[in-house]
């Protein structure tokens, strides 16, 4: 099944270890070259989809402290 056909509940979701107890975080899953992002408090809500390369660039930029 391609990522365009995958339902969000079929993906393997994960979130940052530091935010598990907090509850205010996003969850990320990947499949077929795409990164899926959703609000952990609303897993049935909107799911955003980005190319994995774009998601990795976002994470690297954020870790480096760059703000656009």
C-alpha atoms as a PDB file:
ATOM      1  CA  UNK A   1       0.000   0.000   0.000  1.00  0.00           C
ATOM      2  CA  UNK A   2       1.449   3.376  -0.939  1.00  0.00           C
ATOM      3  CA  UNK A   3       1.686   6.272   1.500  1.00  0.00           C
ATOM      4  CA  UNK A   4      -1.061   8.081  -0.393  1.00  0.00           C
ATOM      5  CA  UNK A   5      -3.354   5.141   0.371  1.00  0.00           C
ATOM      6  CA  UNK A   6      -2.192   4.631   3.972  1.00  0.00           C
ATOM      7  CA  UNK A   7      -4.567   5.694   6.674  1.00  0.00           C
ATOM      8  CA  UNK A   8      -2.988   7.601   9.599  1.00  0.00           C
ATOM      9  CA  UNK A   9      -3.936   4.814  12.030  1.00  0.00           C
ATOM     10  CA  UNK A  10      -1.956   2.320   9.898  1.00  0.00           C
ATOM     11  CA  UNK A  11       1.312   4.213  10.367  1.00  0.00           C
ATOM     12  CA  UNK A  12       3.830   3.598  13.154  1.00  0.00           C
ATOM     13  CA  UNK A  13       3.681   6.860  15.108  1.00  0.00           C
ATOM     14  CA  UNK A  14       6.406   8.120  17.463  1.00  0.00           C
ATOM     15  CA  UNK A  15       7.052  11.222  19.535  1.00  0.00           C
ATOM     16  CA  UNK A  16      10.018  12.744  21.324  1.00  0.00           C
ATOM     17  CA  UNK A  17      10.947  10.994  24.564  1.00  0.00           C
ATOM     18  CA  UNK A  18      11.111  14.350  26.357  1.00  0.00           C
ATOM     19  CA  UNK A  19       7.498  15.155  25.589  1.00  0.00           C
ATOM     20  CA  UNK A  20       5.779  11.848  26.411  1.00  0.00           C
ATOM     21  CA  UNK A  21       4.738  12.942  29.926  1.00  0.00           C
ATOM     22  CA  UNK A  22       3.887  16.476  28.827  1.00  0.00           C
ATOM     23  CA  UNK A  23       1.096  15.646  26.371  1.00  0.00           C
ATOM     24  CA  UNK A  24       1.697  18.768  24.255  1.00  0.00           C
ATOM     25  CA  UNK A  25       3.576  17.357  21.330  1.00  0.00           C
ATOM     26  CA  UNK A  26       3.420  16.175  17.772  1.00  0.00           C
ATOM     27  CA  UNK A  27       3.767  12.627  16.531  1.00  0.00           C
ATOM     28  CA  UNK A  28       5.683  11.669  13.398  1.00  0.00           C
ATOM     29  CA  UNK A  29       5.478   8.616  11.160  1.00  0.00           C
ATOM     30  CA  UNK A  30       7.097   7.788   7.847  1.00  0.00           C
ATOM     31  CA  UNK A  31       6.260   5.657   4.863  1.00  0.00           C
ATOM     32  CA  UNK A  32       7.229   5.537   1.198  1.00  0.00           C
ATOM     33  CA  UNK A  33       9.458   8.607   1.371  1.00  0.00           C
ATOM     34  CA  UNK A  34       6.925  10.787   3.184  1.00  0.00           C
ATOM     35  CA  UNK A  35       6.870  12.107   6.758  1.00  0.00           C
ATOM     36  CA  UNK A  36       3.462  12.385   8.405  1.00  0.00           C
ATOM     37  CA  UNK A  37       2.884  14.780  11.313  1.00  0.00           C
ATOM     38  CA  UNK A  38      -0.106  15.060  13.653  1.00  0.00           C
ATOM     39  CA  UNK A  39      -1.124  16.499  17.024  1.00  0.00           C
ATOM     40  CA  UNK A  40      -0.784  13.809  19.691  1.00  0.00           C
ATOM     41  CA  UNK A  41      -3.876  15.128  21.508  1.00  0.00           C
ATOM     42  CA  UNK A  42      -5.993  14.771  18.366  1.00  0.00           C
ATOM     43  CA  UNK A  43      -4.809  11.667  16.476  1.00  0.00           C
ATOM     44  CA  UNK A  44      -7.963  11.602  14.330  1.00  0.00           C
ATOM     45  CA  UNK A  45      -7.494  15.231  13.300  1.00  0.00           C
ATOM     46  CA  UNK A  46      -5.516  16.672  10.425  1.00  0.00           C
ATOM     47  CA  UNK A  47      -2.359  14.854   9.350  1.00  0.00           C
ATOM     48  CA  UNK A  48       0.271  16.850   7.511  1.00  0.00           C
ATOM     49  CA  UNK A  49       2.467  15.143   4.907  1.00  0.00           C
ATOM     50  CA  UNK A  50       5.947  16.203   3.764  1.00  0.00           C
ATOM     51  CA  UNK A  51       8.732  14.608   1.752  1.00  0.00           C
ATOM     52  CA  UNK A  52      11.159  12.968   4.201  1.00  0.00           C
ATOM     53  CA  UNK A  53      13.993  15.129   2.850  1.00  0.00           C
ATOM     54  CA  UNK A  54      12.041  18.296   3.718  1.00  0.00           C
ATOM     55  CA  UNK A  55      11.243  16.999   7.205  1.00  0.00           C
ATOM     56  CA  UNK A  56      14.912  16.160   7.842  1.00  0.00           C
ATOM     57  CA  UNK A  57      15.933  19.637   6.675  1.00  0.00           C
ATOM     58  CA  UNK A  58      13.359  21.193   9.029  1.00  0.00           C
ATOM     59  CA  UNK A  59      14.670  19.167  11.986  1.00  0.00           C
ATOM     60  CA  UNK A  60      18.314  20.011  11.196  1.00  0.00           C
ATOM     61  CA  UNK A  61      17.480  23.703  10.832  1.00  0.00           C
ATOM     62  CA  UNK A  62      15.538  23.715  14.092  1.00  0.00           C
ATOM     63  CA  UNK A  63      18.321  21.948  15.986  1.00  0.00           C
ATOM     64  CA  UNK A  64      20.798  24.492  14.646  1.00  0.00           C
ATOM     65  CA  UNK A  65      18.654  27.284  16.084  1.00  0.00           C
ATOM     66  CA  UNK A  66      17.714  28.919  12.803  1.00  0.00           C
ATOM     67  CA  UNK A  67      14.348  30.664  12.667  1.00  0.00           C
ATOM     68  CA  UNK A  68      12.721  31.725   9.411  1.00  0.00           C
END
